[in-house]
Amino acid sequence: MKFAPALLAIALSTGSVHAMTPHRSHSLSFAHFPTCSEGLVKAICVCRAADGSRRFGLCRSGRYCHTLNGACTQ
């Protein structure tokens, strides 16, 4: 009967360690891509506004990055 309380203690400690670890998204984030420069984009990158604001867009190859407002256009 000593086995059940020991198993319960291990399960509870494992759960609390899991709860303390930060939860991260497994999807791709913008941090994985390089920052675009102004103009035509040749590879996937993040087009960030040059004014330091949080405006940005993900640009694909063949689009134009506008660093004035962080937008990608065709």
PDB file of N, CA and C in Angstrom:
ATOM      1  N   MET A   1       0.812  -1.192   0.000  1.00  0.00           N
ATOM      2  CA  MET A   1       0.000   0.000   0.000  1.00  0.00           C
ATOM      3  C   MET A   1       0.862   1.265   0.000  1.00  0.00           C
ATOM      4  N   LYS A   2       2.174   1.146   0.249  1.00  0.00           N
ATOM      5  CA  LYS A   2       3.045   2.316   0.238  1.00  0.00           C
ATOM      6  C   LYS A   2       3.314   2.804  -1.177  1.00  0.00           C
ATOM      7  N   PHE A   3       3.054   1.958  -2.156  1.00  0.00           N
ATOM      8  CA  PHE A   3       3.322   2.307  -3.538  1.00  0.00           C
ATOM      9  C   PHE A   3       2.385   3.410  -4.037  1.00  0.00           C
ATOM     10  N   ALA A   4       1.131   3.365  -3.692  1.00  0.00           N
ATOM     11  CA  ALA A   4       0.151   4.349  -4.165  1.00  0.00           C
ATOM     12  C   ALA A   4       0.470   5.766  -3.687  1.00  0.00           C
ATOM     13  N   PRO A   5       0.772   5.999  -2.398  1.00  0.00           N
ATOM     14  CA  PRO A   5       1.112   7.361  -1.981  1.00  0.00           C
ATOM     15  C   PRO A   5       2.391   7.882  -2.652  1.00  0.00           C
ATOM     16  N   ALA A   6       3.369   7.006  -2.871  1.00  0.00           N
ATOM     17  CA  ALA A   6       4.606   7.416  -3.523  1.00  0.00           C
ATOM     18  C   ALA A   6       4.329   7.814  -4.973  1.00  0.00           C
ATOM     19  N   LEU A   7       3.503   7.039  -5.646  1.00  0.00           N
ATOM     20  CA  LEU A   7       3.141   7.347  -7.021  1.00  0.00           C
ATOM     21  C   LEU A   7       2.374   8.667  -7.108  1.00  0.00           C
ATOM     22  N   LEU A   8       1.491   8.898  -6.161  1.00  0.00           N
ATOM     23  CA  LEU A   8       0.738  10.146  -6.112  1.00  0.00           C
ATOM     24  C   LEU A   8       1.672  11.337  -5.883  1.00  0.00           C
ATOM     25  N   ALA A   9       2.648  11.192  -5.003  1.00  0.00           N
ATOM     26  CA  ALA A   9       3.597  12.274  -4.734  1.00  0.00           C
ATOM     27  C   ALA A   9       4.427  12.602  -5.980  1.00  0.00           C
ATOM     28  N   ILE A  10       4.845  11.587  -6.707  1.00  0.00           N
ATOM     29  CA  ILE A  10       5.619  11.809  -7.932  1.00  0.00           C
ATOM     30  C   ILE A  10       4.764  12.513  -8.984  1.00  0.00           C
ATOM     31  N   ALA A  11       3.523  12.085  -9.132  1.00  0.00           N
ATOM     32  CA  ALA A  11       2.632  12.696 -10.116  1.00  0.00           C
ATOM     33  C   ALA A  11       2.365  14.158  -9.782  1.00  0.00           C
ATOM     34  N   LEU A  12       2.173  14.475  -8.524  1.00  0.00           N
ATOM     35  CA  LEU A  12       1.912  15.857  -8.123  1.00  0.00           C
ATOM     36  C   LEU A  12       3.135  16.737  -8.326  1.00  0.00           C
ATOM     37  N   SER A  13       4.329  16.220  -8.020  1.00  0.00           N
ATOM     38  CA  SER A  13       5.534  17.023  -8.194  1.00  0.00           C
ATOM     39  C   SER A  13       5.826  17.256  -9.672  1.00  0.00           C
ATOM     40  N   THR A  14       5.565  16.270 -10.495  1.00  0.00           N
ATOM     41  CA  THR A  14       5.753  16.433 -11.934  1.00  0.00           C
ATOM     42  C   THR A  14       4.789  17.471 -12.486  1.00  0.00           C
ATOM     43  N   GLY A  15       3.567  17.456 -12.031  1.00  0.00           N
ATOM     44  CA  GLY A  15       2.577  18.435 -12.479  1.00  0.00           C
ATOM     45  C   GLY A  15       2.950  19.843 -12.072  1.00  0.00           C
ATOM     46  N   SER A  16       3.498  20.021 -10.875  1.00  0.00           N
ATOM     47  CA  SER A  16       3.860  21.366 -10.439  1.00  0.00           C
ATOM     48  C   SER A  16       5.072  21.883 -11.200  1.00  0.00           C
ATOM     49  N   VAL A  17       6.011  21.022 -11.557  1.00  0.00           N
ATOM     50  CA  VAL A  17       7.159  21.438 -12.360  1.00  0.00           C
ATOM     51  C   VAL A  17       6.682  21.845 -13.747  1.00  0.00           C
ATOM     52  N   HIS A  18       5.751  21.083 -14.306  1.00  0.00           N
ATOM     53  CA  HIS A  18       5.210  21.416 -15.622  1.00  0.00           C
ATOM     54  C   HIS A  18       4.476  22.755 -15.573  1.00  0.00           C
ATOM     55  N   ALA A  19       3.795  23.037 -14.494  1.00  0.00           N
ATOM     56  CA  ALA A  19       3.067  24.299 -14.373  1.00  0.00           C
ATOM     57  C   ALA A  19       4.016  25.493 -14.254  1.00  0.00           C
ATOM     58  N   MET A  20       5.228  25.272 -13.757  1.00  0.00           N
ATOM     59  CA  MET A  20       6.175  26.372 -13.585  1.00  0.00           C
ATOM     60  C   MET A  20       6.910  26.710 -14.873  1.00  0.00           C
ATOM     61  N   THR A  21       6.969  25.787 -15.830  1.00  0.00           N
ATOM     62  CA  THR A  21       7.680  26.064 -17.072  1.00  0.00           C
ATOM     63  C   THR A  21       6.849  26.996 -17.942  1.00  0.00           C
ATOM     64  N   PRO A  22       7.488  27.941 -18.637  1.00  0.00           N
ATOM     65  CA  PRO A  22       6.733  28.872 -19.476  1.00  0.00           C
ATOM     66  C   PRO A  22       6.120  28.150 -20.671  1.00  0.00           C
ATOM     67  N   HIS A  23       4.912  28.520 -21.010  1.00  0.00           N
ATOM     68  CA  HIS A  23       4.235  27.918 -22.154  1.00  0.00           C
ATOM     69  C   HIS A  23       4.624  28.691 -23.402  1.00  0.00           C
ATOM     70  N   ARG A  24       5.079  27.966 -24.388  1.00  0.00           N
ATOM     71  CA  ARG A  24       5.496  28.583 -25.638  1.00  0.00           C
ATOM     72  C   ARG A  24       4.650  28.030 -26.774  1.00  0.00           C
ATOM     73  N   SER A  25       4.421  28.852 -27.729  1.00  0.00           N
ATOM     74  CA  SER A  25       3.674  28.442 -28.905  1.00  0.00           C
ATOM     75  C   SER A  25       4.593  27.619 -29.799  1.00  0.00           C
ATOM     76  N   HIS A  26       4.046  26.580 -30.387  1.00  0.00           N
ATOM     77  CA  HIS A  26       4.840  25.762 -31.285  1.00  0.00           C
ATOM     78  C   HIS A  26       4.760  26.260 -32.720  1.00  0.00           C
ATOM     79  N   SER A  27       3.950  27.281 -32.956  1.00  0.00           N
ATOM     80  CA  SER A  27       3.864  27.826 -34.297  1.00  0.00           C
ATOM     81  C   SER A  27       5.047  28.766 -34.555  1.00  0.00           C
ATOM     82  N   LEU A  28       5.291  29.024 -35.794  1.00  0.00           N
ATOM     83  CA  LEU A  28       6.391  29.924 -36.134  1.00  0.00           C
ATOM     84  C   LEU A  28       6.050  31.339 -35.699  1.00  0.00           C
ATOM     85  N   SER A  29       7.002  32.001 -35.138  1.00  0.00           N
ATOM     86  CA  SER A  29       6.794  33.395 -34.762  1.00  0.00           C
ATOM     87  C   SER A  29       7.663  34.265 -35.661  1.00  0.00           C
ATOM     88  N   PHE A  30       7.420  35.567 -35.614  1.00  0.00           N
ATOM     89  CA  PHE A  30       8.175  36.477 -36.455  1.00  0.00           C
ATOM     90  C   PHE A  30       9.645  36.525 -36.061  1.00  0.00           C
ATOM     91  N   ALA A  31       9.996  36.081 -34.866  1.00  0.00           N
ATOM     92  CA  ALA A  31      11.385  36.108 -34.424  1.00  0.00           C
ATOM     93  C   ALA A  31      12.254  35.143 -35.234  1.00  0.00           C
ATOM     94  N   HIS A  32      11.645  34.189 -35.921  1.00  0.00           N
ATOM     95  CA  HIS A  32      12.402  33.203 -36.691  1.00  0.00           C
ATOM     96  C   HIS A  32      12.809  33.707 -38.067  1.00  0.00           C
ATOM     97  N   PHE A  33      12.316  34.863 -38.471  1.00  0.00           N
ATOM     98  CA  PHE A  33      12.589  35.384 -39.799  1.00  0.00           C
ATOM     99  C   PHE A  33      13.478  36.623 -39.717  1.00  0.00           C
ATOM    100  N   PRO A  34      14.333  36.821 -40.713  1.00  0.00           N
ATOM    101  CA  PRO A  34      15.164  38.040 -40.732  1.00  0.00           C
ATOM    102  C   PRO A  34      14.310  39.274 -41.025  1.00  0.00           C
ATOM    103  N   THR A  35      14.847  40.433 -40.727  1.00  0.00           N
ATOM    104  CA  THR A  35      14.159  41.694 -40.991  1.00  0.00           C
ATOM    105  C   THR A  35      14.441  42.135 -42.425  1.00  0.00           C
ATOM    106  N   CYS A  36      13.398  42.560 -43.121  1.00  0.00           N
ATOM    107  CA  CYS A  36      13.533  43.032 -44.511  1.00  0.00           C
ATOM    108  C   CYS A  36      14.149  44.420 -44.541  1.00  0.00           C
ATOM    109  N   SER A  37      14.756  44.719 -45.665  1.00  0.00           N
ATOM    110  CA  SER A  37      15.152  46.101 -45.924  1.00  0.00           C
ATOM    111  C   SER A  37      14.099  46.696 -46.862  1.00  0.00           C
ATOM    112  N   GLU A  38      14.105  47.995 -47.011  1.00  0.00           N
ATOM    113  CA  GLU A  38      13.151  48.686 -47.885  1.00  0.00           C
ATOM    114  C   GLU A  38      13.294  48.186 -49.313  1.00  0.00           C
ATOM    115  N   GLY A  39      12.187  47.872 -49.962  1.00  0.00           N
ATOM    116  CA  GLY A  39      12.215  47.486 -51.368  1.00  0.00           C
ATOM    117  C   GLY A  39      11.736  46.082 -51.630  1.00  0.00           C
ATOM    118  N   LEU A  40      12.124  45.553 -52.789  1.00  0.00           N
ATOM    119  CA  LEU A  40      11.695  44.231 -53.243  1.00  0.00           C
ATOM    120  C   LEU A  40      12.294  43.140 -52.366  1.00  0.00           C
ATOM    121  N   VAL A  41      11.462  42.209 -51.956  1.00  0.00           N
ATOM    122  CA  VAL A  41      11.875  41.118 -51.062  1.00  0.00           C
ATOM    123  C   VAL A  41      12.226  39.893 -51.899  1.00  0.00           C
ATOM    124  N   LYS A  42      13.355  39.263 -51.570  1.00  0.00           N
ATOM    125  CA  LYS A  42      13.798  38.078 -52.307  1.00  0.00           C
ATOM    126  C   LYS A  42      13.560  36.784 -51.536  1.00  0.00           C
ATOM    127  N   ALA A  43      13.327  36.876 -50.222  1.00  0.00           N
ATOM    128  CA  ALA A  43      13.040  35.712 -49.385  1.00  0.00           C
ATOM    129  C   ALA A  43      12.094  36.150 -48.264  1.00  0.00           C
ATOM    130  N   ILE A  44      11.433  35.206 -47.625  1.00  0.00           N
ATOM    131  CA  ILE A  44      10.495  35.537 -46.552  1.00  0.00           C
ATOM    132  C   ILE A  44      11.224  36.286 -45.436  1.00  0.00           C
ATOM    133  N   CYS A  45      10.661  37.410 -45.021  1.00  0.00           N
ATOM    134  CA  CYS A  45      11.248  38.214 -43.957  1.00  0.00           C
ATOM    135  C   CYS A  45      10.169  39.070 -43.305  1.00  0.00           C
ATOM    136  N   VAL A  46      10.524  39.722 -42.216  1.00  0.00           N
ATOM    137  CA  VAL A  46       9.592  40.578 -41.491  1.00  0.00           C
ATOM    138  C   VAL A  46       9.872  42.030 -41.855  1.00  0.00           C
ATOM    139  N   CYS A  47       8.842  42.715 -42.316  1.00  0.00           N
ATOM    140  CA  CYS A  47       8.948  44.122 -42.671  1.00  0.00           C
ATOM    141  C   CYS A  47       8.509  44.932 -41.452  1.00  0.00           C
ATOM    142  N   ARG A  48       9.460  45.591 -40.806  1.00  0.00           N
ATOM    143  CA  ARG A  48       9.177  46.368 -39.594  1.00  0.00           C
ATOM    144  C   ARG A  48       9.173  47.860 -39.904  1.00  0.00           C
ATOM    145  N   ALA A  49       8.311  48.582 -39.216  1.00  0.00           N
ATOM    146  CA  ALA A  49       8.278  50.038 -39.363  1.00  0.00           C
ATOM    147  C   ALA A  49       9.553  50.619 -38.776  1.00  0.00           C
ATOM    148  N   ALA A  50      10.157  51.554 -39.462  1.00  0.00           N
ATOM    149  CA  ALA A  50      11.436  52.135 -39.051  1.00  0.00           C
ATOM    150  C   ALA A  50      11.302  53.099 -37.874  1.00  0.00           C
ATOM    151  N   ASP A  51      10.088  53.514 -37.539  1.00  0.00           N
ATOM    152  CA  ASP A  51       9.907  54.500 -36.469  1.00  0.00           C
ATOM    153  C   ASP A  51       9.925  53.891 -35.064  1.00  0.00           C
ATOM    154  N   GLY A  52      10.198  52.593 -34.959  1.00  0.00           N
ATOM    155  CA  GLY A  52      10.270  51.944 -33.653  1.00  0.00           C
ATOM    156  C   GLY A  52       8.931  51.494 -33.116  1.00  0.00           C
ATOM    157  N   SER A  53       7.868  51.677 -33.879  1.00  0.00           N
ATOM    158  CA  SER A  53       6.552  51.219 -33.431  1.00  0.00           C
ATOM    159  C   SER A  53       6.476  49.704 -33.567  1.00  0.00           C
ATOM    160  N   ARG A  54       5.389  49.139 -33.152  1.00  0.00           N
ATOM    161  CA  ARG A  54       5.227  47.690 -33.202  1.00  0.00           C
ATOM    162  C   ARG A  54       4.534  47.233 -34.483  1.00  0.00           C
ATOM    163  N   ARG A  55       4.499  48.073 -35.490  1.00  0.00           N
ATOM    164  CA  ARG A  55       3.860  47.692 -36.748  1.00  0.00           C
ATOM    165  C   ARG A  55       4.830  46.869 -37.592  1.00  0.00           C
ATOM    166  N   PHE A  56       4.342  45.741 -38.085  1.00  0.00           N
ATOM    167  CA  PHE A  56       5.159  44.887 -38.937  1.00  0.00           C
ATOM    168  C   PHE A  56       4.266  43.950 -39.732  1.00  0.00           C
ATOM    169  N   GLY A  57       4.848  43.390 -40.767  1.00  0.00           N
ATOM    170  CA  GLY A  57       4.144  42.421 -41.596  1.00  0.00           C
ATOM    171  C   GLY A  57       5.119  41.396 -42.127  1.00  0.00           C
ATOM    172  N   LEU A  58       4.629  40.221 -42.433  1.00  0.00           N
ATOM    173  CA  LEU A  58       5.454  39.160 -42.990  1.00  0.00           C
ATOM    174  C   LEU A  58       5.422  39.277 -44.500  1.00  0.00           C
ATOM    175  N   CYS A  59       6.582  39.459 -45.099  1.00  0.00           N
ATOM    176  CA  CYS A  59       6.678  39.613 -46.560  1.00  0.00           C
ATOM    177  C   CYS A  59       7.175  38.320 -47.186  1.00  0.00           C
ATOM    178  N   ARG A  60       6.563  37.979 -48.286  1.00  0.00           N
ATOM    179  CA  ARG A  60       7.011  36.826 -49.068  1.00  0.00           C
ATOM    180  C   ARG A  60       7.785  37.319 -50.288  1.00  0.00           C
ATOM    181  N   SER A  61       8.492  36.433 -50.910  1.00  0.00           N
ATOM    182  CA  SER A  61       9.299  36.765 -52.080  1.00  0.00           C
ATOM    183  C   SER A  61       8.441  37.415 -53.166  1.00  0.00           C
ATOM    184  N   GLY A  62       8.955  38.484 -53.772  1.00  0.00           N
ATOM    185  CA  GLY A  62       8.259  39.176 -54.839  1.00  0.00           C
ATOM    186  C   GLY A  62       7.403  40.347 -54.387  1.00  0.00           C
ATOM    187  N   ARG A  63       7.313  40.587 -53.090  1.00  0.00           N
ATOM    188  CA  ARG A  63       6.545  41.719 -52.568  1.00  0.00           C
ATOM    189  C   ARG A  63       7.485  42.850 -52.207  1.00  0.00           C
ATOM    190  N   TYR A  64       6.920  44.021 -51.916  1.00  0.00           N
ATOM    191  CA  TYR A  64       7.698  45.191 -51.540  1.00  0.00           C
ATOM    192  C   TYR A  64       7.506  45.493 -50.066  1.00  0.00           C
ATOM    193  N   CYS A  65       8.605  45.674 -49.355  1.00  0.00           N
ATOM    194  CA  CYS A  65       8.574  46.052 -47.942  1.00  0.00           C
ATOM    195  C   CYS A  65       8.648  47.577 -47.865  1.00  0.00           C
ATOM    196  N   HIS A  66       7.703  48.159 -47.160  1.00  0.00           N
ATOM    197  CA  HIS A  66       7.687  49.610 -46.940  1.00  0.00           C
ATOM    198  C   HIS A  66       8.003  49.855 -45.461  1.00  0.00           C
ATOM    199  N   THR A  67       9.233  50.240 -45.163  1.00  0.00           N
ATOM    200  CA  THR A  67       9.641  50.418 -43.772  1.00  0.00           C
ATOM    201  C   THR A  67       9.057  51.681 -43.147  1.00  0.00           C
ATOM    202  N   LEU A  68       8.432  52.517 -43.915  1.00  0.00           N
ATOM    203  CA  LEU A  68       7.771  53.692 -43.354  1.00  0.00           C
ATOM    204  C   LEU A  68       6.612  53.268 -42.450  1.00  0.00           C
ATOM    205  N   ASN A  69       5.846  52.267 -42.899  1.00  0.00           N
ATOM    206  CA  ASN A  69       4.697  51.821 -42.101  1.00  0.00           C
ATOM    207  C   ASN A  69       4.710  50.328 -41.777  1.00  0.00           C
ATOM    208  N   GLY A  70       5.745  49.599 -42.171  1.00  0.00           N
ATOM    209  CA  GLY A  70       5.859  48.182 -41.863  1.00  0.00           C
ATOM    210  C   GLY A  70       4.893  47.314 -42.650  1.00  0.00           C
ATOM    211  N   ALA A  71       4.570  47.717 -43.857  1.00  0.00           N
ATOM    212  CA  ALA A  71       3.600  46.974 -44.685  1.00  0.00           C
ATOM    213  C   ALA A  71       4.264  46.329 -45.880  1.00  0.00           C
ATOM    214  N   CYS A  72       3.675  45.229 -46.332  1.00  0.00           N
ATOM    215  CA  CYS A  72       4.118  44.548 -47.546  1.00  0.00           C
ATOM    216  C   CYS A  72       3.027  44.697 -48.594  1.00  0.00           C
ATOM    217  N   THR A  73       3.422  45.047 -49.794  1.00  0.00           N
ATOM    218  CA  THR A  73       2.475  45.170 -50.877  1.00  0.00           C
ATOM    219  C   THR A  73       2.997  44.442 -52.106  1.00  0.00           C
ATOM    220  N   GLN A  74       2.096  44.223 -53.046  1.00  0.00           N
ATOM    221  CA  GLN A  74       2.488  43.534 -54.278  1.00  0.00           C
ATOM    222  C   GLN A  74       3.096  44.484 -55.264  1.00  0.00           C
TER     223      GLN A  74
END
